PDB file of N, CA and C in Angstrom:
ATOM      1  N   MET A   1       6.986  -2.286 -14.684  1.00  0.00           N
ATOM      2  CA  MET A   1       6.796  -3.946 -13.613  1.00  0.00           C
ATOM      3  C   MET A   1       5.547  -4.302 -12.611  1.00  0.00           C
ATOM      4  N   ILE A   2       5.343  -4.941 -12.393  1.00  0.00           N
ATOM      5  CA  ILE A   2       4.651  -5.279 -11.522  1.00  0.00           C
ATOM      6  C   ILE A   2       4.780  -6.700 -10.499  1.00  0.00           C
ATOM      7  N   THR A   3       3.940  -6.691  -9.539  1.00  0.00           N
ATOM      8  CA  THR A   3       4.716  -7.012  -8.363  1.00  0.00           C
ATOM      9  C   THR A   3       3.574  -7.533  -7.777  1.00  0.00           C
ATOM     10  N   ALA A   4       2.964  -9.314  -6.659  1.00  0.00           N
ATOM     11  CA  ALA A   4       1.748  -9.516  -6.700  1.00  0.00           C
ATOM     12  C   ALA A   4       2.213  -9.275  -5.702  1.00  0.00           C
ATOM     13  N   TRP A   5       3.445  -9.497  -4.734  1.00  0.00           N
ATOM     14  CA  TRP A   5       4.330  -9.766  -3.833  1.00  0.00           C
ATOM     15  C   TRP A   5       3.224  -8.778  -2.048  1.00  0.00           C
ATOM     16  N   ASN A   6       3.285  -8.915  -1.025  1.00  0.00           N
ATOM     17  CA  ASN A   6       2.381  -7.866  -0.645  1.00  0.00           C
ATOM     18  C   ASN A   6       1.524  -6.976  -0.858  1.00  0.00           C
ATOM     19  N   PRO A   7       0.682  -7.850  -0.961  1.00  0.00           N
ATOM     20  CA  PRO A   7      -0.773  -6.734  -1.144  1.00  0.00           C
ATOM     21  C   PRO A   7      -1.156  -5.722  -0.018  1.00  0.00           C
ATOM     22  N   ALA A   8      -1.223  -4.731  -0.730  1.00  0.00           N
ATOM     23  CA  ALA A   8      -1.716  -3.881   0.585  1.00  0.00           C
ATOM     24  C   ALA A   8       0.051  -2.673   1.591  1.00  0.00           C
ATOM     25  N   SER A   9       0.825  -3.137   0.868  1.00  0.00           N
ATOM     26  CA  SER A   9       2.151  -3.195   1.979  1.00  0.00           C
ATOM     27  C   SER A   9       2.095  -3.916   2.971  1.00  0.00           C
ATOM     28  N   VAL A  10       1.534  -4.801   3.196  1.00  0.00           N
ATOM     29  CA  VAL A  10       1.666  -6.228   4.437  1.00  0.00           C
ATOM     30  C   VAL A  10       1.980  -6.790   3.435  1.00  0.00           C
ATOM     31  N   GLN A  11       3.596  -7.354   4.834  1.00  0.00           N
ATOM     32  CA  GLN A  11       4.516  -8.407   4.834  1.00  0.00           C
ATOM     33  C   GLN A  11       3.501  -9.886   5.059  1.00  0.00           C
ATOM     34  N   VAL A  12       3.479 -11.127   3.373  1.00  0.00           N
ATOM     35  CA  VAL A  12       2.802 -11.768   3.784  1.00  0.00           C
ATOM     36  C   VAL A  12       3.517 -13.353   3.718  1.00  0.00           C
ATOM     37  N   GLU A  13       3.786 -13.814   4.228  1.00  0.00           N
ATOM     38  CA  GLU A  13       4.373 -15.612   4.369  1.00  0.00           C
ATOM     39  C   GLU A  13       5.102 -15.626   2.073  1.00  0.00           C
ATOM     40  N   LEU A  14       6.258 -16.231   2.216  1.00  0.00           N
ATOM     41  CA  LEU A  14       6.931 -16.219   0.606  1.00  0.00           C
ATOM     42  C   LEU A  14       5.905 -17.520  -0.754  1.00  0.00           C
ATOM     43  N   SER A  15       5.060 -18.091   0.450  1.00  0.00           N
ATOM     44  CA  SER A  15       4.183 -19.061   0.114  1.00  0.00           C
ATOM     45  C   SER A  15       3.509 -17.925  -0.835  1.00  0.00           C
ATOM     46  N   ILE A  16       2.541 -17.265   0.515  1.00  0.00           N
ATOM     47  CA  ILE A  16       0.990 -16.621   0.081  1.00  0.00           C
ATOM     48  C   ILE A  16       1.729 -15.771  -1.724  1.00  0.00           C
ATOM     49  N   ASN A  17       2.790 -14.672  -1.271  1.00  0.00           N
ATOM     50  CA  ASN A  17       3.892 -14.656  -2.493  1.00  0.00           C
ATOM     51  C   ASN A  17       3.479 -14.824  -3.380  1.00  0.00           C
ATOM     52  N   GLU A  18       4.788 -15.938  -3.553  1.00  0.00           N
ATOM     53  CA  GLU A  18       4.327 -17.041  -4.662  1.00  0.00           C
ATOM     54  C   GLU A  18       3.390 -17.138  -5.256  1.00  0.00           C
ATOM     55  N   SER A  19       2.096 -17.304  -4.584  1.00  0.00           N
ATOM     56  CA  SER A  19       0.961 -18.091  -4.650  1.00  0.00           C
ATOM     57  C   SER A  19       0.328 -16.348  -5.633  1.00  0.00           C
ATOM     58  N   LYS A  20       0.488 -15.648  -5.028  1.00  0.00           N
ATOM     59  CA  LYS A  20      -0.130 -14.424  -6.025  1.00  0.00           C
ATOM     60  C   LYS A  20       0.809 -13.332  -7.142  1.00  0.00           C
ATOM     61  N   ASN A  21       2.122 -14.433  -7.291  1.00  0.00           N
ATOM     62  CA  ASN A  21       2.664 -14.189  -8.389  1.00  0.00           C
ATOM     63  C   ASN A  21       2.136 -14.812  -9.675  1.00  0.00           C
ATOM     64  N   ARG A  22       1.763 -16.581  -9.149  1.00  0.00           N
ATOM     65  CA  ARG A  22       1.489 -16.806 -10.731  1.00  0.00           C
ATOM     66  C   ARG A  22      -0.145 -16.525 -10.484  1.00  0.00           C
ATOM     67  N   GLU A  23      -0.251 -16.017  -9.634  1.00  0.00           N
ATOM     68  CA  GLU A  23      -2.019 -15.822 -10.412  1.00  0.00           C
ATOM     69  C   GLU A  23      -2.053 -14.616 -11.481  1.00  0.00           C
ATOM     70  N   LEU A  24      -1.184 -13.781 -11.235  1.00  0.00           N
ATOM     71  CA  LEU A  24      -0.734 -12.499 -12.078  1.00  0.00           C
ATOM     72  C   LEU A  24      -0.071 -12.628 -13.115  1.00  0.00           C
ATOM     73  N   VAL A  25       0.704 -13.663 -13.171  1.00  0.00           N
ATOM     74  CA  VAL A  25       1.020 -14.164 -14.722  1.00  0.00           C
ATOM     75  C   VAL A  25       0.335 -15.725 -15.368  1.00  0.00           C
ATOM     76  N   ALA A  26      -0.786 -15.385 -14.419  1.00  0.00           N
ATOM     77  CA  ALA A  26      -2.039 -16.307 -15.627  1.00  0.00           C
ATOM     78  C   ALA A  26      -2.904 -15.075 -16.032  1.00  0.00           C
ATOM     79  N   ALA A  27      -2.512 -14.020 -15.006  1.00  0.00           N
ATOM     80  CA  ALA A  27      -3.828 -12.829 -15.962  1.00  0.00           C
ATOM     81  C   ALA A  27      -2.867 -12.518 -17.000  1.00  0.00           C
ATOM     82  N   LEU A  28      -2.115 -12.086 -17.017  1.00  0.00           N
ATOM     83  CA  LEU A  28      -1.239 -11.391 -17.596  1.00  0.00           C
ATOM     84  C   LEU A  28      -0.811 -12.370 -19.042  1.00  0.00           C
ATOM     85  N   ASP A  29      -0.614 -14.245 -18.715  1.00  0.00           N
ATOM     86  CA  ASP A  29      -1.275 -14.728 -20.191  1.00  0.00           C
ATOM     87  C   ASP A  29      -2.658 -14.527 -20.817  1.00  0.00           C
ATOM     88  N   ASN A  30      -3.595 -14.665 -19.572  1.00  0.00           N
ATOM     89  CA  ASN A  30      -4.538 -14.463 -19.800  1.00  0.00           C
ATOM     90  C   ASN A  30      -4.697 -12.970 -21.620  1.00  0.00           C
ATOM     91  N   LEU A  31      -4.169 -11.829 -20.664  1.00  0.00           N
ATOM     92  CA  LEU A  31      -4.211 -11.180 -21.994  1.00  0.00           C
ATOM     93  C   LEU A  31      -3.387 -11.441 -22.556  1.00  0.00           C
ATOM     94  N   HIS A  32      -2.965 -12.505 -23.272  1.00  0.00           N
ATOM     95  CA  HIS A  32      -1.613 -12.485 -23.962  1.00  0.00           C
ATOM     96  C   HIS A  32      -0.715 -11.580 -23.890  1.00  0.00           C
ATOM     97  N   LEU A  33      -0.259 -10.891 -22.785  1.00  0.00           N
ATOM     98  CA  LEU A  33       1.259 -10.069 -22.676  1.00  0.00           C
ATOM     99  C   LEU A  33       2.259 -10.925 -23.025  1.00  0.00           C
ATOM    100  N   VAL A  34       3.302 -10.763 -22.902  1.00  0.00           N
ATOM    101  CA  VAL A  34       4.920 -10.837 -22.748  1.00  0.00           C
ATOM    102  C   VAL A  34       5.774  -9.944 -21.416  1.00  0.00           C
ATOM    103  N   HIS A  35       6.027 -10.957 -21.088  1.00  0.00           N
ATOM    104  CA  HIS A  35       6.147 -11.053 -19.519  1.00  0.00           C
ATOM    105  C   HIS A  35       7.844 -11.321 -19.021  1.00  0.00           C
ATOM    106  N   HIS A  36       8.300 -11.006 -18.190  1.00  0.00           N
ATOM    107  CA  HIS A  36       9.536 -11.809 -17.734  1.00  0.00           C
ATOM    108  C   HIS A  36       9.467 -11.592 -16.508  1.00  0.00           C
ATOM    109  N   GLU A  37      10.206 -13.263 -15.719  1.00  0.00           N
ATOM    110  CA  GLU A  37      10.339 -12.809 -14.678  1.00  0.00           C
ATOM    111  C   GLU A  37      11.968 -11.448 -13.905  1.00  0.00           C
ATOM    112  N   THR A  38      11.952 -10.932 -12.984  1.00  0.00           N
ATOM    113  CA  THR A  38      12.692  -9.745 -12.253  1.00  0.00           C
ATOM    114  C   THR A  38      12.983  -9.740 -11.541  1.00  0.00           C
ATOM    115  N   LEU A  39      13.548  -8.918 -10.480  1.00  0.00           N
ATOM    116  CA  LEU A  39      13.605  -8.868  -9.059  1.00  0.00           C
ATOM    117  C   LEU A  39      13.594  -6.830  -8.776  1.00  0.00           C
ATOM    118  N   GLY A  40      13.169  -7.082  -8.435  1.00  0.00           N
ATOM    119  CA  GLY A  40      12.413  -4.921  -7.678  1.00  0.00           C
ATOM    120  C   GLY A  40      12.902  -5.346  -6.485  1.00  0.00           C
ATOM    121  N   GLU A  41      13.852  -4.227  -6.457  1.00  0.00           N
ATOM    122  CA  GLU A  41      14.625  -3.662  -5.544  1.00  0.00           C
ATOM    123  C   GLU A  41      14.643  -2.203  -4.890  1.00  0.00           C
ATOM    124  N   CYS A  42      13.753  -1.713  -3.369  1.00  0.00           N
ATOM    125  CA  CYS A  42      14.180  -0.673  -2.882  1.00  0.00           C
ATOM    126  C   CYS A  42      14.712  -0.510  -1.348  1.00  0.00           C
ATOM    127  N   ALA A  43      14.965   0.307  -1.064  1.00  0.00           N
ATOM    128  CA  ALA A  43      15.066   1.063   0.716  1.00  0.00           C
ATOM    129  C   ALA A  43      14.133   0.714   0.901  1.00  0.00           C
ATOM    130  N   ASP A  44      14.148  -0.432   2.062  1.00  0.00           N
ATOM    131  CA  ASP A  44      13.091  -0.451   3.662  1.00  0.00           C
ATOM    132  C   ASP A  44      13.933   0.365   4.620  1.00  0.00           C
ATOM    133  N   ALA A  45      13.921   1.257   4.684  1.00  0.00           N
ATOM    134  CA  ALA A  45      14.427   2.341   5.982  1.00  0.00           C
ATOM    135  C   ALA A  45      13.126   2.409   6.670  1.00  0.00           C
ATOM    136  N   MET A  46      12.263   1.793   6.788  1.00  0.00           N
ATOM    137  CA  MET A  46      11.001   0.917   7.902  1.00  0.00           C
ATOM    138  C   MET A  46      12.103   0.066   9.312  1.00  0.00           C
ATOM    139  N   HIS A  47      12.342  -0.420   8.186  1.00  0.00           N
ATOM    140  CA  HIS A  47      13.483  -1.531   9.557  1.00  0.00           C
ATOM    141  C   HIS A  47      14.279  -1.435   9.472  1.00  0.00           C
ATOM    142  N   SER A  48      15.615  -0.517   8.990  1.00  0.00           N
ATOM    143  CA  SER A  48      17.228  -0.067   8.417  1.00  0.00           C
ATOM    144  C   SER A  48      17.722   0.159   8.062  1.00  0.00           C
ATOM    145  N   ALA A  49      18.635   0.797   8.447  1.00  0.00           N
ATOM    146  CA  ALA A  49      18.863   1.878   7.014  1.00  0.00           C
ATOM    147  C   ALA A  49      19.737   2.038   6.464  1.00  0.00           C
ATOM    148  N   ASP A  50      20.237   0.804   6.603  1.00  0.00           N
ATOM    149  CA  ASP A  50      20.793  -0.670   5.390  1.00  0.00           C
ATOM    150  C   ASP A  50      19.727  -1.154   4.656  1.00  0.00           C
ATOM    151  N   ALA A  51      18.708  -1.572   5.188  1.00  0.00           N
ATOM    152  CA  ALA A  51      18.080  -2.817   4.826  1.00  0.00           C
ATOM    153  C   ALA A  51      17.410  -2.331   3.387  1.00  0.00           C
ATOM    154  N   ILE A  52      17.860  -3.506   2.383  1.00  0.00           N
ATOM    155  CA  ILE A  52      16.577  -3.267   1.192  1.00  0.00           C
ATOM    156  C   ILE A  52      15.291  -4.657   1.110  1.00  0.00           C
ATOM    157  N   GLU A  53      14.853  -4.408   0.550  1.00  0.00           N
ATOM    158  CA  GLU A  53      13.641  -5.023   0.157  1.00  0.00           C
ATOM    159  C   GLU A  53      13.631  -5.799  -1.145  1.00  0.00           C
ATOM    160  N   ARG A  54      13.489  -6.825  -1.624  1.00  0.00           N
ATOM    161  CA  ARG A  54      12.896  -7.540  -3.164  1.00  0.00           C
ATOM    162  C   ARG A  54      12.079  -7.890  -3.123  1.00  0.00           C
ATOM    163  N   GLU A  55      11.155  -7.660  -4.240  1.00  0.00           N
ATOM    164  CA  GLU A  55       9.836  -8.478  -4.743  1.00  0.00           C
ATOM    165  C   GLU A  55      10.060  -8.795  -5.934  1.00  0.00           C
ATOM    166  N   GLU A  56       9.764 -10.978  -6.428  1.00  0.00           N
ATOM    167  CA  GLU A  56       9.608 -11.111  -7.842  1.00  0.00           C
ATOM    168  C   GLU A  56       8.404 -10.699  -8.074  1.00  0.00           C
ATOM    169  N   SER A  57       9.209  -9.910  -9.624  1.00  0.00           N
ATOM    170  CA  SER A  57       8.764  -8.896 -10.388  1.00  0.00           C
ATOM    171  C   SER A  57       8.085  -9.709 -11.391  1.00  0.00           C
ATOM    172  N   LEU A  58       7.508  -9.062 -12.421  1.00  0.00           N
ATOM    173  CA  LEU A  58       7.630  -9.480 -14.039  1.00  0.00           C
ATOM    174  C   LEU A  58       7.390  -8.016 -14.883  1.00  0.00           C
ATOM    175  N   ALA A  59       8.497  -7.769 -15.529  1.00  0.00           N
ATOM    176  CA  ALA A  59       8.678  -7.009 -16.793  1.00  0.00           C
ATOM    177  C   ALA A  59       7.434  -7.075 -17.883  1.00  0.00           C
ATOM    178  N   VAL A  60       6.529  -5.936 -17.926  1.00  0.00           N
ATOM    179  CA  VAL A  60       5.674  -6.604 -18.934  1.00  0.00           C
ATOM    180  C   VAL A  60       5.953  -5.486 -20.399  1.00  0.00           C
ATOM    181  N   GLU A  61       5.907  -6.283 -21.663  1.00  0.00           N
ATOM    182  CA  GLU A  61       5.983  -5.229 -22.663  1.00  0.00           C
ATOM    183  C   GLU A  61       4.445  -5.414 -23.461  1.00  0.00           C
ATOM    184  N   GLY A  62       4.816  -4.351 -24.054  1.00  0.00           N
ATOM    185  CA  GLY A  62       3.377  -3.776 -24.830  1.00  0.00           C
ATOM    186  C   GLY A  62       2.237  -3.809 -24.399  1.00  0.00           C
ATOM    187  N   THR A  63       2.111  -3.288 -22.763  1.00  0.00           N
ATOM    188  CA  THR A  63       1.081  -2.939 -22.182  1.00  0.00           C
ATOM    189  C   THR A  63       0.447  -1.818 -22.498  1.00  0.00           C
ATOM    190  N   THR A  64      -1.057  -1.260 -21.712  1.00  0.00           N
ATOM    191  CA  THR A  64      -0.738   0.270 -21.366  1.00  0.00           C
ATOM    192  C   THR A  64      -0.921   0.080 -20.506  1.00  0.00           C
ATOM    193  N   ARG A  65      -0.323   1.631 -20.115  1.00  0.00           N
ATOM    194  CA  ARG A  65      -0.431   2.702 -18.732  1.00  0.00           C
ATOM    195  C   ARG A  65      -1.566   1.678 -18.076  1.00  0.00           C
ATOM    196  N   ALA A  66      -2.733   1.625 -18.747  1.00  0.00           N
ATOM    197  CA  ALA A  66      -3.935   1.685 -17.882  1.00  0.00           C
ATOM    198  C   ALA A  66      -4.601   0.408 -17.233  1.00  0.00           C
ATOM    199  N   ILE A  67      -3.783  -0.609 -18.399  1.00  0.00           N
ATOM    200  CA  ILE A  67      -3.676  -1.931 -18.025  1.00  0.00           C
ATOM    201  C   ILE A  67      -2.761  -2.591 -17.465  1.00  0.00           C
ATOM    202  N   ALA A  68      -2.287  -1.865 -16.921  1.00  0.00           N
ATOM    203  CA  ALA A  68      -0.532  -1.469 -15.993  1.00  0.00           C
ATOM    204  C   ALA A  68      -1.512  -1.522 -14.645  1.00  0.00           C
ATOM    205  N   VAL A  69      -1.476  -0.288 -15.101  1.00  0.00           N
ATOM    206  CA  VAL A  69      -2.446  -0.158 -13.225  1.00  0.00           C
ATOM    207  C   VAL A  69      -3.772  -0.620 -12.479  1.00  0.00           C
ATOM    208  N   ALA A  70      -4.824  -0.879 -13.600  1.00  0.00           N
ATOM    209  CA  ALA A  70      -6.291  -2.466 -13.016  1.00  0.00           C
ATOM    210  C   ALA A  70      -4.766  -3.385 -12.853  1.00  0.00           C
ATOM    211  N   LEU A  71      -4.236  -4.151 -13.434  1.00  0.00           N
ATOM    212  CA  LEU A  71      -2.736  -5.038 -13.092  1.00  0.00           C
ATOM    213  C   LEU A  71      -3.205  -4.707 -11.405  1.00  0.00           C
ATOM    214  N   GLY A  72      -1.845  -3.501 -11.118  1.00  0.00           N
ATOM    215  CA  GLY A  72      -0.852  -3.121 -10.352  1.00  0.00           C
ATOM    216  C   GLY A  72      -2.691  -3.326  -9.326  1.00  0.00           C
ATOM    217  N   GLN A  73      -3.617  -2.539  -9.096  1.00  0.00           N
ATOM    218  CA  GLN A  73      -4.745  -2.752  -8.276  1.00  0.00           C
ATOM    219  C   GLN A  73      -5.573  -3.798  -8.058  1.00  0.00           C
ATOM    220  N   GLN A  74      -5.600  -4.447  -9.434  1.00  0.00           N
ATOM    221  CA  GLN A  74      -6.403  -6.535  -8.488  1.00  0.00           C
ATOM    222  C   GLN A  74      -5.501  -6.526  -7.663  1.00  0.00           C
ATOM    223  N   PHE A  75      -4.023  -6.674  -7.806  1.00  0.00           N
ATOM    224  CA  PHE A  75      -3.498  -7.299  -7.019  1.00  0.00           C
ATOM    225  C   PHE A  75      -3.041  -6.764  -5.517  1.00  0.00           C
ATOM    226  N   GLY A  76      -3.463  -5.871  -5.289  1.00  0.00           N
ATOM    227  CA  GLY A  76      -3.086  -4.926  -4.248  1.00  0.00           C
ATOM    228  C   GLY A  76      -1.759  -4.266  -3.979  1.00  0.00           C
ATOM    229  N   GLN A  77      -2.510  -3.609  -4.878  1.00  0.00           N
ATOM    230  CA  GLN A  77      -0.287  -2.435  -5.261  1.00  0.00           C
ATOM    231  C   GLN A  77      -0.827  -1.235  -5.189  1.00  0.00           C
ATOM    232  N   TYR A  78       0.429  -0.807  -4.555  1.00  0.00           N
ATOM    233  CA  TYR A  78       0.375   1.352  -4.228  1.00  0.00           C
ATOM    234  C   TYR A  78       0.489   1.100  -5.257  1.00  0.00           C
ATOM    235  N   ALA A  79       2.026   0.667  -6.322  1.00  0.00           N
ATOM    236  CA  ALA A  79       2.020   1.751  -7.118  1.00  0.00           C
ATOM    237  C   ALA A  79       2.762   0.089  -7.865  1.00  0.00           C
ATOM    238  N   ILE A  80       3.259   0.770  -9.201  1.00  0.00           N
ATOM    239  CA  ILE A  80       3.870   0.038 -10.528  1.00  0.00           C
ATOM    240  C   ILE A  80       5.008   0.576 -11.110  1.00  0.00           C
ATOM    241  N   PHE A  81       6.787   0.000 -11.036  1.00  0.00           N
ATOM    242  CA  PHE A  81       7.500   0.540 -12.004  1.00  0.00           C
ATOM    243  C   PHE A  81       7.056   0.908 -13.655  1.00  0.00           C
ATOM    244  N   GLU A  82       7.582   1.706 -13.866  1.00  0.00           N
ATOM    245  CA  GLU A  82       7.580   2.226 -15.755  1.00  0.00           C
ATOM    246  C   GLU A  82       9.015   2.609 -15.856  1.00  0.00           C
ATOM    247  N   ILE A  83       8.617   1.945 -17.044  1.00  0.00           N
ATOM    248  CA  ILE A  83      10.165   3.153 -18.453  1.00  0.00           C
ATOM    249  C   ILE A  83       9.759   3.699 -19.650  1.00  0.00           C
ATOM    250  N   THR A  84      10.126   4.216 -19.688  1.00  0.00           N
ATOM    251  CA  THR A  84       9.226   4.803 -21.097  1.00  0.00           C
ATOM    252  C   THR A  84      10.664   5.262 -21.608  1.00  0.00           C
ATOM    253  N   PRO A  85      10.752   4.981 -23.463  1.00  0.00           N
ATOM    254  CA  PRO A  85      11.504   5.588 -24.428  1.00  0.00           C
ATOM    255  C   PRO A  85      11.934   7.365 -23.957  1.00  0.00           C
ATOM    256  N   GLU A  86      13.593   7.431 -24.208  1.00  0.00           N
ATOM    257  CA  GLU A  86      13.269   8.909 -24.167  1.00  0.00           C
ATOM    258  C   GLU A  86      13.269   9.896 -24.990  1.00  0.00           C
ATOM    259  N   GLU A  87      12.201  10.921 -24.395  1.00  0.00           N
ATOM    260  CA  GLU A  87      11.775  11.550 -26.101  1.00  0.00           C
ATOM    261  C   GLU A  87      12.606  12.608 -26.496  1.00  0.00           C
TER     262      GLU A  87
END
């Protein structure tokens, strides 16, 4: 999963996050990668013990780890989320 929301972990306005995610969709389309809209969630202990941060994200099929990491870096992300089959 990759997102373009809140680059460098700096919270920005919703309109900016939506624009950045559209840019990410365009980048994935240019690479001919299949992607699906999804919602990433994680605890946000910096604001409250009960807080949950939600970010619109994209689940990407059939890419390599190197491409996913490069896209994350291009869009200012400190991390991406990878699911691999059990060995």
